Amino acid sequence: MDKETAAIQKKLQNELDAYQAGQKDFQKLAQQRQILEGQLNENQCVLDELNLLGPDNKVYKLYGPVLVKQDLEDARQNVGKRIEYIKKESKSCNDTLETLEKKQDKHRENLKKLQQQYQIVMK
């Protein structure tokens, strides 16, 4: 094996390693996004239920093993803030996923080019 072939193989291996690392990051972020979507749906349901309640209804919040009475409007505001936070995190996650996807596309292109170079050298 000559130096050119070895260099291409090394580049190919490095590019493949970078691609695989990107895949792992992508999978972690996809799982995180799925968790955030579940939390968003859950909190949206809670807010919908809170909006059905009248001013004379009582609301309790669970703190550890204890239920503590909470003001209805405070509960609505807390859930609303939580929804806003989850939406921001979800947007951030989606933006990062898009960036990773673009990087993965570049890695795929580089891998394809390197494979073609390697095939040419091996002939």
PDB file of N, CA and C in Angstrom:
ATOM      1  N   MET A   1       0.862  -1.175   0.000  1.00  0.00           N
ATOM      2  CA  MET A   1       0.000   0.000   0.000  1.00  0.00           C
ATOM      3  C   MET A   1       0.907   1.236   0.000  1.00  0.00           C
ATOM      4  N   ASP A   2       0.641   2.135  -0.923  1.00  0.00           N
ATOM      5  CA  ASP A   2       1.485   3.328  -1.003  1.00  0.00           C
ATOM      6  C   ASP A   2       0.971   4.442  -0.087  1.00  0.00           C
ATOM      7  N   LYS A   3       1.707   5.544  -0.067  1.00  0.00           N
ATOM      8  CA  LYS A   3       1.388   6.655   0.837  1.00  0.00           C
ATOM      9  C   LYS A   3       0.043   7.295   0.496  1.00  0.00           C
ATOM     10  N   GLU A   4      -0.259   7.400  -0.794  1.00  0.00           N
ATOM     11  CA  GLU A   4      -1.513   8.037  -1.210  1.00  0.00           C
ATOM     12  C   GLU A   4      -2.724   7.221  -0.732  1.00  0.00           C
ATOM     13  N   THR A   5      -2.637   5.926  -0.881  1.00  0.00           N
ATOM     14  CA  THR A   5      -3.717   5.049  -0.438  1.00  0.00           C
ATOM     15  C   THR A   5      -3.882   5.127   1.076  1.00  0.00           C
ATOM     16  N   ALA A   6      -2.784   5.120   1.788  1.00  0.00           N
ATOM     17  CA  ALA A   6      -2.837   5.196   3.250  1.00  0.00           C
ATOM     18  C   ALA A   6      -3.421   6.526   3.702  1.00  0.00           C
ATOM     19  N   ALA A   7      -3.056   7.608   3.004  1.00  0.00           N
ATOM     20  CA  ALA A   7      -3.575   8.931   3.364  1.00  0.00           C
ATOM     21  C   ALA A   7      -5.087   9.001   3.140  1.00  0.00           C
ATOM     22  N   ILE A   8      -5.523   8.444   2.028  1.00  0.00           N
ATOM     23  CA  ILE A   8      -6.964   8.452   1.734  1.00  0.00           C
ATOM     24  C   ILE A   8      -7.709   7.599   2.754  1.00  0.00           C
ATOM     25  N   GLN A   9      -7.135   6.452   3.098  1.00  0.00           N
ATOM     26  CA  GLN A   9      -7.771   5.590   4.107  1.00  0.00           C
ATOM     27  C   GLN A   9      -7.885   6.313   5.444  1.00  0.00           C
ATOM     28  N   LYS A  10      -6.839   7.029   5.826  1.00  0.00           N
ATOM     29  CA  LYS A  10      -6.848   7.762   7.092  1.00  0.00           C
ATOM     30  C   LYS A  10      -7.923   8.850   7.062  1.00  0.00           C
ATOM     31  N   LYS A  11      -7.990   9.607   5.955  1.00  0.00           N
ATOM     32  CA  LYS A  11      -9.018  10.645   5.807  1.00  0.00           C
ATOM     33  C   LYS A  11     -10.421  10.028   5.859  1.00  0.00           C
ATOM     34  N   LEU A  12     -10.556   8.906   5.183  1.00  0.00           N
ATOM     35  CA  LEU A  12     -11.840   8.201   5.147  1.00  0.00           C
ATOM     36  C   LEU A  12     -12.250   7.770   6.556  1.00  0.00           C
ATOM     37  N   GLN A  13     -11.317   7.229   7.321  1.00  0.00           N
ATOM     38  CA  GLN A  13     -11.608   6.782   8.681  1.00  0.00           C
ATOM     39  C   GLN A  13     -11.964   7.966   9.580  1.00  0.00           C
ATOM     40  N   ASN A  14     -11.210   9.057   9.452  1.00  0.00           N
ATOM     41  CA  ASN A  14     -11.495  10.257  10.256  1.00  0.00           C
ATOM     42  C   ASN A  14     -12.878  10.824   9.929  1.00  0.00           C
ATOM     43  N   GLU A  15     -13.213  10.853   8.658  1.00  0.00           N
ATOM     44  CA  GLU A  15     -14.518  11.369   8.238  1.00  0.00           C
ATOM     45  C   GLU A  15     -15.641  10.457   8.736  1.00  0.00           C
ATOM     46  N   LEU A  16     -15.399   9.159   8.682  1.00  0.00           N
ATOM     47  CA  LEU A  16     -16.386   8.199   9.173  1.00  0.00           C
ATOM     48  C   LEU A  16     -16.588   8.335  10.676  1.00  0.00           C
ATOM     49  N   ASP A  17     -15.509   8.533  11.406  1.00  0.00           N
ATOM     50  CA  ASP A  17     -15.609   8.741  12.856  1.00  0.00           C
ATOM     51  C   ASP A  17     -16.408  10.008  13.178  1.00  0.00           C
ATOM     52  N   ALA A  18     -16.140  11.079  12.444  1.00  0.00           N
ATOM     53  CA  ALA A  18     -16.869  12.332  12.653  1.00  0.00           C
ATOM     54  C   ALA A  18     -18.349  12.153  12.330  1.00  0.00           C
ATOM     55  N   TYR A  19     -18.636  11.414  11.274  1.00  0.00           N
ATOM     56  CA  TYR A  19     -20.025  11.144  10.877  1.00  0.00           C
ATOM     57  C   TYR A  19     -20.754  10.344  11.963  1.00  0.00           C
ATOM     58  N   GLN A  20     -20.100   9.330  12.485  1.00  0.00           N
ATOM     59  CA  GLN A  20     -20.717   8.500  13.524  1.00  0.00           C
ATOM     60  C   GLN A  20     -20.934   9.283  14.810  1.00  0.00           C
ATOM     61  N   ALA A  21     -20.007  10.162  15.160  1.00  0.00           N
ATOM     62  CA  ALA A  21     -20.171  11.001  16.347  1.00  0.00           C
ATOM     63  C   ALA A  21     -21.366  11.937  16.151  1.00  0.00           C
ATOM     64  N   GLY A  22     -21.497  12.470  14.953  1.00  0.00           N
ATOM     65  CA  GLY A  22     -22.638  13.325  14.636  1.00  0.00           C
ATOM     66  C   GLY A  22     -23.947  12.571  14.734  1.00  0.00           C
ATOM     67  N   GLN A  23     -23.939  11.315  14.318  1.00  0.00           N
ATOM     68  CA  GLN A  23     -25.147  10.481  14.402  1.00  0.00           C
ATOM     69  C   GLN A  23     -25.563  10.288  15.865  1.00  0.00           C
ATOM     70  N   LYS A  24     -24.592  10.057  16.729  1.00  0.00           N
ATOM     71  CA  LYS A  24     -24.895   9.879  18.151  1.00  0.00           C
ATOM     72  C   LYS A  24     -25.495  11.149  18.735  1.00  0.00           C
ATOM     73  N   ASP A  25     -24.893  12.298  18.405  1.00  0.00           N
ATOM     74  CA  ASP A  25     -25.413  13.580  18.883  1.00  0.00           C
ATOM     75  C   ASP A  25     -26.830  13.807  18.372  1.00  0.00           C
ATOM     76  N   PHE A  26     -27.046  13.468  17.108  1.00  0.00           N
ATOM     77  CA  PHE A  26     -28.360  13.642  16.503  1.00  0.00           C
ATOM     78  C   PHE A  26     -29.403  12.791  17.226  1.00  0.00           C
ATOM     79  N   GLN A  27     -29.051  11.557  17.530  1.00  0.00           N
ATOM     80  CA  GLN A  27     -29.988  10.663  18.225  1.00  0.00           C
ATOM     81  C   GLN A  27     -30.313  11.173  19.624  1.00  0.00           C
ATOM     82  N   LYS A  28     -29.304  11.673  20.333  1.00  0.00           N
ATOM     83  CA  LYS A  28     -29.542  12.216  21.676  1.00  0.00           C
ATOM     84  C   LYS A  28     -30.490  13.412  21.615  1.00  0.00           C
ATOM     85  N   LEU A  29     -30.243  14.298  20.662  1.00  0.00           N
ATOM     86  CA  LEU A  29     -31.100  15.478  20.524  1.00  0.00           C
ATOM     87  C   LEU A  29     -32.514  15.100  20.095  1.00  0.00           C
ATOM     88  N   ALA A  30     -32.631  14.100  19.241  1.00  0.00           N
ATOM     89  CA  ALA A  30     -33.959  13.658  18.819  1.00  0.00           C
ATOM     90  C   ALA A  30     -34.730  13.103  20.016  1.00  0.00           C
ATOM     91  N   GLN A  31     -34.055  12.366  20.882  1.00  0.00           N
ATOM     92  CA  GLN A  31     -34.708  11.863  22.098  1.00  0.00           C
ATOM     93  C   GLN A  31     -35.094  13.017  23.018  1.00  0.00           C
ATOM     94  N   GLN A  32     -34.219  13.993  23.145  1.00  0.00           N
ATOM     95  CA  GLN A  32     -34.509  15.157  23.986  1.00  0.00           C
ATOM     96  C   GLN A  32     -35.719  15.914  23.449  1.00  0.00           C
ATOM     97  N   ARG A  33     -35.772  16.057  22.130  1.00  0.00           N
ATOM     98  CA  ARG A  33     -36.909  16.751  21.515  1.00  0.00           C
ATOM     99  C   ARG A  33     -38.206  15.994  21.781  1.00  0.00           C
ATOM    100  N   GLN A  34     -38.145  14.693  21.713  1.00  0.00           N
ATOM    101  CA  GLN A  34     -39.327  13.870  21.973  1.00  0.00           C
ATOM    102  C   GLN A  34     -39.803  14.051  23.419  1.00  0.00           C
ATOM    103  N   ILE A  35     -38.877  14.103  24.349  1.00  0.00           N
ATOM    104  CA  ILE A  35     -39.218  14.323  25.760  1.00  0.00           C
ATOM    105  C   ILE A  35     -39.861  15.700  25.931  1.00  0.00           C
ATOM    106  N   LEU A  36     -39.272  16.710  25.289  1.00  0.00           N
ATOM    107  CA  LEU A  36     -39.816  18.065  25.384  1.00  0.00           C
ATOM    108  C   LEU A  36     -41.228  18.145  24.806  1.00  0.00           C
ATOM    109  N   GLU A  37     -41.457  17.448  23.703  1.00  0.00           N
ATOM    110  CA  GLU A  37     -42.794  17.444  23.111  1.00  0.00           C
ATOM    111  C   GLU A  37     -43.807  16.802  24.052  1.00  0.00           C
ATOM    112  N   GLY A  38     -43.400  15.739  24.720  1.00  0.00           N
ATOM    113  CA  GLY A  38     -44.276  15.096  25.699  1.00  0.00           C
ATOM    114  C   GLY A  38     -44.592  16.024  26.864  1.00  0.00           C
ATOM    115  N   GLN A  39     -43.568  16.717  27.346  1.00  0.00           N
ATOM    116  CA  GLN A  39     -43.771  17.667  28.443  1.00  0.00           C
ATOM    117  C   GLN A  39     -44.675  18.816  28.015  1.00  0.00           C
ATOM    118  N   LEU A  40     -44.485  19.276  26.786  1.00  0.00           N
ATOM    119  CA  LEU A  40     -45.308  20.366  26.280  1.00  0.00           C
ATOM    120  C   LEU A  40     -46.778  19.947  26.205  1.00  0.00           C
ATOM    121  N   ASN A  41     -47.022  18.758  25.685  1.00  0.00           N
ATOM    122  CA  ASN A  41     -48.399  18.255  25.601  1.00  0.00           C
ATOM    123  C   ASN A  41     -49.018  18.105  26.988  1.00  0.00           C
ATOM    124  N   GLU A  42     -48.242  17.575  27.899  1.00  0.00           N
ATOM    125  CA  GLU A  42     -48.733  17.382  29.271  1.00  0.00           C
ATOM    126  C   GLU A  42     -49.083  18.717  29.922  1.00  0.00           C
ATOM    127  N   ASN A  43     -48.204  19.694  29.789  1.00  0.00           N
ATOM    128  CA  ASN A  43     -48.453  21.005  30.388  1.00  0.00           C
ATOM    129  C   ASN A  43     -49.599  21.740  29.696  1.00  0.00           C
ATOM    130  N   GLN A  44     -49.738  21.526  28.399  1.00  0.00           N
ATOM    131  CA  GLN A  44     -50.853  22.140  27.682  1.00  0.00           C
ATOM    132  C   GLN A  44     -52.178  21.571  28.182  1.00  0.00           C
ATOM    133  N   CYS A  45     -52.212  20.271  28.442  1.00  0.00           N
ATOM    134  CA  CYS A  45     -53.416  19.641  29.000  1.00  0.00           C
ATOM    135  C   CYS A  45     -53.724  20.202  30.389  1.00  0.00           C
ATOM    136  N   VAL A  46     -52.697  20.392  31.198  1.00  0.00           N
ATOM    137  CA  VAL A  46     -52.886  20.956  32.546  1.00  0.00           C
ATOM    138  C   VAL A  46     -53.454  22.366  32.440  1.00  0.00           C
ATOM    139  N   LEU A  47     -52.904  23.165  31.528  1.00  0.00           N
ATOM    140  CA  LEU A  47     -53.402  24.536  31.354  1.00  0.00           C
ATOM    141  C   LEU A  47     -54.851  24.529  30.876  1.00  0.00           C
ATOM    142  N   ASP A  48     -55.172  23.634  29.960  1.00  0.00           N
ATOM    143  CA  ASP A  48     -56.558  23.519  29.490  1.00  0.00           C
ATOM    144  C   ASP A  48     -57.496  23.191  30.645  1.00  0.00           C
ATOM    145  N   GLU A  49     -57.071  22.275  31.508  1.00  0.00           N
ATOM    146  CA  GLU A  49     -57.890  21.905  32.669  1.00  0.00           C
ATOM    147  C   GLU A  49     -58.019  23.080  33.634  1.00  0.00           C
ATOM    148  N   LEU A  50     -56.935  23.792  33.858  1.00  0.00           N
ATOM    149  CA  LEU A  50     -56.982  24.949  34.759  1.00  0.00           C
ATOM    150  C   LEU A  50     -57.907  26.037  34.210  1.00  0.00           C
ATOM    151  N   ASN A  51     -57.942  26.175  32.888  1.00  0.00           N
ATOM    152  CA  ASN A  51     -58.807  27.184  32.275  1.00  0.00           C
ATOM    153  C   ASN A  51     -60.286  26.820  32.381  1.00  0.00           C
ATOM    154  N   LEU A  52     -60.579  25.550  32.596  1.00  0.00           N
ATOM    155  CA  LEU A  52     -61.969  25.121  32.772  1.00  0.00           C
ATOM    156  C   LEU A  52     -62.494  25.450  34.171  1.00  0.00           C
ATOM    157  N   LEU A  53     -61.582  25.644  35.112  1.00  0.00           N
ATOM    158  CA  LEU A  53     -61.986  25.874  36.500  1.00  0.00           C
ATOM    159  C   LEU A  53     -62.488  27.305  36.710  1.00  0.00           C
ATOM    160  N   GLY A  54     -63.403  27.411  37.634  1.00  0.00           N
ATOM    161  CA  GLY A  54     -63.919  28.720  38.015  1.00  0.00           C
ATOM    162  C   GLY A  54     -63.155  29.259  39.204  1.00  0.00           C
ATOM    163  N   PRO A  55     -63.405  30.528  39.582  1.00  0.00           N
ATOM    164  CA  PRO A  55     -62.666  31.151  40.688  1.00  0.00           C
ATOM    165  C   PRO A  55     -62.932  30.502  42.043  1.00  0.00           C
ATOM    166  N   ASP A  56     -64.033  29.793  42.165  1.00  0.00           N
ATOM    167  CA  ASP A  56     -64.350  29.169  43.450  1.00  0.00           C
ATOM    168  C   ASP A  56     -63.752  27.770  43.597  1.00  0.00           C
ATOM    169  N   ASN A  57     -63.145  27.254  42.527  1.00  0.00           N
ATOM    170  CA  ASN A  57     -62.510  25.939  42.600  1.00  0.00           C
ATOM    171  C   ASN A  57     -61.161  26.029  43.299  1.00  0.00           C
ATOM    172  N   LYS A  58     -60.772  24.921  43.937  1.00  0.00           N
ATOM    173  CA  LYS A  58     -59.489  24.870  44.646  1.00  0.00           C
ATOM    174  C   LYS A  58     -58.473  24.095  43.819  1.00  0.00           C
ATOM    175  N   VAL A  59     -57.237  24.577  43.878  1.00  0.00           N
ATOM    176  CA  VAL A  59     -56.141  23.933  43.144  1.00  0.00           C
ATOM    177  C   VAL A  59     -55.057  23.587  44.146  1.00  0.00           C
ATOM    178  N   TYR A  60     -54.508  22.395  43.991  1.00  0.00           N
ATOM    179  CA  TYR A  60     -53.433  21.943  44.873  1.00  0.00           C
ATOM    180  C   TYR A  60     -52.233  21.558  44.032  1.00  0.00           C
ATOM    181  N   LYS A  61     -51.057  21.831  44.590  1.00  0.00           N
ATOM    182  CA  LYS A  61     -49.804  21.464  43.930  1.00  0.00           C
ATOM    183  C   LYS A  61     -49.091  20.450  44.802  1.00  0.00           C
ATOM    184  N   LEU A  62     -48.521  19.467  44.145  1.00  0.00           N
ATOM    185  CA  LEU A  62     -47.827  18.405  44.859  1.00  0.00           C
ATOM    186  C   LEU A  62     -46.379  18.820  45.113  1.00  0.00           C
ATOM    187  N   TYR A  63     -46.005  18.921  46.381  1.00  0.00           N
ATOM    188  CA  TYR A  63     -44.628  19.176  46.808  1.00  0.00           C
ATOM    189  C   TYR A  63     -44.168  17.940  47.569  1.00  0.00           C
ATOM    190  N   GLY A  64     -43.394  17.111  46.899  1.00  0.00           N
ATOM    191  CA  GLY A  64     -42.980  15.852  47.538  1.00  0.00           C
ATOM    192  C   GLY A  64     -44.223  15.031  47.835  1.00  0.00           C
ATOM    193  N   PRO A  65     -44.402  14.594  49.087  1.00  0.00           N
ATOM    194  CA  PRO A  65     -45.574  13.789  49.432  1.00  0.00           C
ATOM    195  C   PRO A  65     -46.771  14.629  49.910  1.00  0.00           C
ATOM    196  N   VAL A  66     -46.656  15.973  49.813  1.00  0.00           N
ATOM    197  CA  VAL A  66     -47.675  16.848  50.389  1.00  0.00           C
ATOM    198  C   VAL A  66     -48.386  17.649  49.297  1.00  0.00           C
ATOM    199  N   LEU A  67     -49.720  17.751  49.408  1.00  0.00           N
ATOM    200  CA  LEU A  67     -50.486  18.626  48.541  1.00  0.00           C
ATOM    201  C   LEU A  67     -50.637  19.974  49.228  1.00  0.00           C
ATOM    202  N   VAL A  68     -50.265  21.048  48.522  1.00  0.00           N
ATOM    203  CA  VAL A  68     -50.330  22.388  49.072  1.00  0.00           C
ATOM    204  C   VAL A  68     -51.309  23.202  48.232  1.00  0.00           C
ATOM    205  N   LYS A  69     -52.218  23.905  48.924  1.00  0.00           N
ATOM    206  CA  LYS A  69     -53.193  24.721  48.224  1.00  0.00           C
ATOM    207  C   LYS A  69     -52.474  25.846  47.483  1.00  0.00           C
ATOM    208  N   GLN A  70     -52.944  26.107  46.238  1.00  0.00           N
ATOM    209  CA  GLN A  70     -52.316  27.131  45.413  1.00  0.00           C
ATOM    210  C   GLN A  70     -53.416  27.984  44.783  1.00  0.00           C
ATOM    211  N   ASP A  71     -53.127  29.258  44.613  1.00  0.00           N
ATOM    212  CA  ASP A  71     -54.059  30.167  43.966  1.00  0.00           C
ATOM    213  C   ASP A  71     -54.213  29.753  42.506  1.00  0.00           C
ATOM    214  N   LEU A  72     -55.442  29.779  41.995  1.00  0.00           N
ATOM    215  CA  LEU A  72     -55.725  29.347  40.621  1.00  0.00           C
ATOM    216  C   LEU A  72     -54.936  30.178  39.603  1.00  0.00           C
ATOM    217  N   GLU A  73     -54.920  31.482  39.772  1.00  0.00           N
ATOM    218  CA  GLU A  73     -54.214  32.341  38.813  1.00  0.00           C
ATOM    219  C   GLU A  73     -52.703  32.087  38.859  1.00  0.00           C
ATOM    220  N   ASP A  74     -52.162  31.855  40.041  1.00  0.00           N
ATOM    221  CA  ASP A  74     -50.738  31.520  40.159  1.00  0.00           C
ATOM    222  C   ASP A  74     -50.436  30.217  39.428  1.00  0.00           C
ATOM    223  N   ALA A  75     -51.318  29.256  39.586  1.00  0.00           N
ATOM    224  CA  ALA A  75     -51.130  27.963  38.923  1.00  0.00           C
ATOM    225  C   ALA A  75     -51.132  28.140  37.406  1.00  0.00           C
ATOM    226  N   ARG A  76     -52.070  28.943  36.902  1.00  0.00           N
ATOM    227  CA  ARG A  76     -52.132  29.200  35.452  1.00  0.00           C
ATOM    228  C   ARG A  76     -50.849  29.875  34.965  1.00  0.00           C
ATOM    229  N   GLN A  77     -50.389  30.866  35.712  1.00  0.00           N
ATOM    230  CA  GLN A  77     -49.175  31.578  35.318  1.00  0.00           C
ATOM    231  C   GLN A  77     -47.952  30.659  35.342  1.00  0.00           C
ATOM    232  N   ASN A  78     -47.861  29.835  36.375  1.00  0.00           N
ATOM    233  CA  ASN A  78     -46.725  28.909  36.469  1.00  0.00           C
ATOM    234  C   ASN A  78     -46.701  27.933  35.301  1.00  0.00           C
ATOM    235  N   VAL A  79     -47.860  27.395  34.979  1.00  0.00           N
ATOM    236  CA  VAL A  79     -47.931  26.441  33.868  1.00  0.00           C
ATOM    237  C   VAL A  79     -47.646  27.163  32.550  1.00  0.00           C
ATOM    238  N   GLY A  80     -48.159  28.381  32.402  1.00  0.00           N
ATOM    239  CA  GLY A  80     -47.892  29.164  31.195  1.00  0.00           C
ATOM    240  C   GLY A  80     -46.404  29.438  31.015  1.00  0.00           C
ATOM    241  N   LYS A  81     -45.729  29.794  32.112  1.00  0.00           N
ATOM    242  CA  LYS A  81     -44.283  30.037  32.051  1.00  0.00           C
ATOM    243  C   LYS A  81     -43.532  28.753  31.702  1.00  0.00           C
ATOM    244  N   ARG A  82     -43.987  27.649  32.259  1.00  0.00           N
ATOM    245  CA  ARG A  82     -43.355  26.364  31.968  1.00  0.00           C
ATOM    246  C   ARG A  82     -43.516  26.028  30.482  1.00  0.00           C
ATOM    247  N   ILE A  83     -44.692  26.309  29.933  1.00  0.00           N
ATOM    248  CA  ILE A  83     -44.938  26.050  28.508  1.00  0.00           C
ATOM    249  C   ILE A  83     -44.016  26.918  27.653  1.00  0.00           C
ATOM    250  N   GLU A  84     -43.877  28.191  28.008  1.00  0.00           N
ATOM    251  CA  GLU A  84     -42.973  29.078  27.267  1.00  0.00           C
ATOM    252  C   GLU A  84     -41.543  28.542  27.296  1.00  0.00           C
ATOM    253  N   TYR A  85     -41.092  28.124  28.471  1.00  0.00           N
ATOM    254  CA  TYR A  85     -39.736  27.603  28.613  1.00  0.00           C
ATOM    255  C   TYR A  85     -39.547  26.348  27.754  1.00  0.00           C
ATOM    256  N   ILE A  86     -40.512  25.460  27.797  1.00  0.00           N
ATOM    257  CA  ILE A  86     -40.406  24.218  27.018  1.00  0.00           C
ATOM    258  C   ILE A  86     -40.388  24.534  25.521  1.00  0.00           C
ATOM    259  N   LYS A  87     -41.184  25.499  25.093  1.00  0.00           N
ATOM    260  CA  LYS A  87     -41.192  25.884  23.674  1.00  0.00           C
ATOM    261  C   LYS A  87     -39.837  26.443  23.255  1.00  0.00           C
ATOM    262  N   LYS A  88     -39.226  27.263  24.111  1.00  0.00           N
ATOM    263  CA  LYS A  88     -37.895  27.813  23.798  1.00  0.00           C
ATOM    264  C   LYS A  88     -36.868  26.694  23.691  1.00  0.00           C
ATOM    265  N   GLU A  89     -36.918  25.767  24.647  1.00  0.00           N
ATOM    266  CA  GLU A  89     -35.980  24.636  24.622  1.00  0.00           C
ATOM    267  C   GLU A  89     -36.200  23.780  23.372  1.00  0.00           C
ATOM    268  N   SER A  90     -37.447  23.584  23.011  1.00  0.00           N
ATOM    269  CA  SER A  90     -37.781  22.786  21.837  1.00  0.00           C
ATOM    270  C   SER A  90     -37.272  23.465  20.564  1.00  0.00           C
ATOM    271  N   LYS A  91     -37.436  24.780  20.477  1.00  0.00           N
ATOM    272  CA  LYS A  91     -36.946  25.519  19.318  1.00  0.00           C
ATOM    273  C   LYS A  91     -35.426  25.422  19.231  1.00  0.00           C
ATOM    274  N   SER A  92     -34.768  25.578  20.362  1.00  0.00           N
ATOM    275  CA  SER A  92     -33.320  25.465  20.402  1.00  0.00           C
ATOM    276  C   SER A  92     -32.873  24.076  19.941  1.00  0.00           C
ATOM    277  N   CYS A  93     -33.575  23.080  20.414  1.00  0.00           N
ATOM    278  CA  CYS A  93     -33.270  21.696  20.049  1.00  0.00           C
ATOM    279  C   CYS A  93     -33.462  21.491  18.540  1.00  0.00           C
ATOM    280  N   ASN A  94     -34.546  22.020  17.994  1.00  0.00           N
ATOM    281  CA  ASN A  94     -34.810  21.888  16.561  1.00  0.00           C
ATOM    282  C   ASN A  94     -33.752  22.605  15.729  1.00  0.00           C
ATOM    283  N   ASP A  95     -33.343  23.790  16.180  1.00  0.00           N
ATOM    284  CA  ASP A  95     -32.293  24.523  15.467  1.00  0.00           C
ATOM    285  C   ASP A  95     -30.986  23.740  15.464  1.00  0.00           C
ATOM    286  N   THR A  96     -30.650  23.167  16.604  1.00  0.00           N
ATOM    287  CA  THR A  96     -29.422  22.370  16.704  1.00  0.00           C
ATOM    288  C   THR A  96     -29.516  21.124  15.822  1.00  0.00           C
ATOM    289  N   LEU A  97     -30.691  20.512  15.782  1.00  0.00           N
ATOM    290  CA  LEU A  97     -30.880  19.341  14.920  1.00  0.00           C
ATOM    291  C   LEU A  97     -30.696  19.711  13.447  1.00  0.00           C
ATOM    292  N   GLU A  98     -31.204  20.862  13.042  1.00  0.00           N
ATOM    293  CA  GLU A  98     -31.022  21.309  11.653  1.00  0.00           C
ATOM    294  C   GLU A  98     -29.544  21.504  11.335  1.00  0.00           C
ATOM    295  N   THR A  99     -28.827  22.136  12.266  1.00  0.00           N
ATOM    296  CA  THR A  99     -27.391  22.360  12.075  1.00  0.00           C
ATOM    297  C   THR A  99     -26.655  21.032  11.961  1.00  0.00           C
ATOM    298  N   LEU A 100     -26.991  20.107  12.852  1.00  0.00           N
ATOM    299  CA  LEU A 100     -26.349  18.784  12.806  1.00  0.00           C
ATOM    300  C   LEU A 100     -26.673  18.066  11.509  1.00  0.00           C
ATOM    301  N   GLU A 101     -27.891  18.213  11.036  1.00  0.00           N
ATOM    302  CA  GLU A 101     -28.279  17.551   9.795  1.00  0.00           C
ATOM    303  C   GLU A 101     -27.459  18.089   8.617  1.00  0.00           C
ATOM    304  N   LYS A 102     -27.227  19.398   8.601  1.00  0.00           N
ATOM    305  CA  LYS A 102     -26.406  19.998   7.544  1.00  0.00           C
ATOM    306  C   LYS A 102     -24.968  19.482   7.623  1.00  0.00           C
ATOM    307  N   LYS A 103     -24.444  19.373   8.846  1.00  0.00           N
ATOM    308  CA  LYS A 103     -23.089  18.838   9.020  1.00  0.00           C
ATOM    309  C   LYS A 103     -23.026  17.390   8.542  1.00  0.00           C
ATOM    310  N   GLN A 104     -24.069  16.620   8.861  1.00  0.00           N
ATOM    311  CA  GLN A 104     -24.100  15.219   8.445  1.00  0.00           C
ATOM    312  C   GLN A 104     -24.126  15.112   6.925  1.00  0.00           C
ATOM    313  N   ASP A 105     -24.852  16.013   6.272  1.00  0.00           N
ATOM    314  CA  ASP A 105     -24.881  16.018   4.811  1.00  0.00           C
ATOM    315  C   ASP A 105     -23.489  16.272   4.242  1.00  0.00           C
ATOM    316  N   LYS A 106     -22.755  17.203   4.847  1.00  0.00           N
ATOM    317  CA  LYS A 106     -21.388  17.487   4.398  1.00  0.00           C
ATOM    318  C   LYS A 106     -20.483  16.275   4.605  1.00  0.00           C
ATOM    319  N   HIS A 107     -20.656  15.617   5.759  1.00  0.00           N
ATOM    320  CA  HIS A 107     -19.851  14.411   6.023  1.00  0.00           C
ATOM    321  C   HIS A 107     -20.168  13.331   4.990  1.00  0.00           C
ATOM    322  N   ARG A 108     -21.439  13.167   4.638  1.00  0.00           N
ATOM    323  CA  ARG A 108     -21.824  12.163   3.629  1.00  0.00           C
ATOM    324  C   ARG A 108     -21.170  12.482   2.282  1.00  0.00           C
ATOM    325  N   GLU A 109     -21.207  13.764   1.905  1.00  0.00           N
ATOM    326  CA  GLU A 109     -20.571  14.165   0.645  1.00  0.00           C
ATOM    327  C   GLU A 109     -19.080  13.869   0.677  1.00  0.00           C
ATOM    328  N   ASN A 110     -18.428  14.251   1.773  1.00  0.00           N
ATOM    329  CA  ASN A 110     -16.989  14.002   1.898  1.00  0.00           C
ATOM    330  C   ASN A 110     -16.684  12.507   1.859  1.00  0.00           C
ATOM    331  N   LEU A 111     -17.494  11.712   2.538  1.00  0.00           N
ATOM    332  CA  LEU A 111     -17.292  10.260   2.517  1.00  0.00           C
ATOM    333  C   LEU A 111     -17.423   9.710   1.099  1.00  0.00           C
ATOM    334  N   LYS A 112     -18.422  10.197   0.390  1.00  0.00           N
ATOM    335  CA  LYS A 112     -18.634   9.727  -0.983  1.00  0.00           C
ATOM    336  C   LYS A 112     -17.433  10.067  -1.861  1.00  0.00           C
ATOM    337  N   LYS A 113     -16.933  11.312  -1.743  1.00  0.00           N
ATOM    338  CA  LYS A 113     -15.772  11.736  -2.532  1.00  0.00           C
ATOM    339  C   LYS A 113     -14.537  10.913  -2.186  1.00  0.00           C
ATOM    340  N   LEU A 114     -14.333  10.708  -0.882  1.00  0.00           N
ATOM    341  CA  LEU A 114     -13.166   9.930  -0.449  1.00  0.00           C
ATOM    342  C   LEU A 114     -13.262   8.480  -0.908  1.00  0.00           C
ATOM    343  N   GLN A 115     -14.461   7.918  -0.879  1.00  0.00           N
ATOM    344  CA  GLN A 115     -14.635   6.546  -1.368  1.00  0.00           C
ATOM    345  C   GLN A 115     -14.321   6.464  -2.857  1.00  0.00           C
ATOM    346  N   GLN A 116     -14.766   7.467  -3.604  1.00  0.00           N
ATOM    347  CA  GLN A 116     -14.468   7.486  -5.037  1.00  0.00           C
ATOM    348  C   GLN A 116     -12.972   7.606  -5.279  1.00  0.00           C
ATOM    349  N   GLN A 117     -12.292   8.478  -4.510  1.00  0.00           N
ATOM    350  CA  GLN A 117     -10.843   8.626  -4.648  1.00  0.00           C
ATOM    351  C   GLN A 117     -10.139   7.313  -4.323  1.00  0.00           C
ATOM    352  N   TYR A 118     -10.626   6.671  -3.269  1.00  0.00           N
ATOM    353  CA  TYR A 118     -10.014   5.408  -2.856  1.00  0.00           C
ATOM    354  C   TYR A 118     -10.176   4.344  -3.943  1.00  0.00           C
ATOM    355  N   GLN A 119     -11.350   4.277  -4.540  1.00  0.00           N
ATOM    356  CA  GLN A 119     -11.588   3.303  -5.608  1.00  0.00           C
ATOM    357  C   GLN A 119     -10.704   3.565  -6.809  1.00  0.00           C
ATOM    358  N   ILE A 120     -10.508   4.850  -7.122  1.00  0.00           N
ATOM    359  CA  ILE A 120      -9.641   5.200  -8.251  1.00  0.00           C
ATOM    360  C   ILE A 120      -8.195   4.794  -7.972  1.00  0.00           C
ATOM    361  N   VAL A 121      -7.744   5.049  -6.775  1.00  0.00           N
ATOM    362  CA  VAL A 121      -6.368   4.719  -6.398  1.00  0.00           C
ATOM    363  C   VAL A 121      -6.150   3.209  -6.384  1.00  0.00           C
ATOM    364  N   MET A 122      -7.156   2.466  -5.971  1.00  0.00           N
ATOM    365  CA  MET A 122      -7.030   1.013  -5.847  1.00  0.00           C
ATOM    366  C   MET A 122      -7.049   0.303  -7.196  1.00  0.00           C
ATOM    367  N   LYS A 123      -7.476   0.969  -8.256  1.00  0.00           N
ATOM    368  CA  LYS A 123      -7.538   0.306  -9.574  1.00  0.00           C
ATOM    369  C   LYS A 123      -6.191   0.137 -10.186  1.00  0.00           C
TER     370      LYS A 123
END
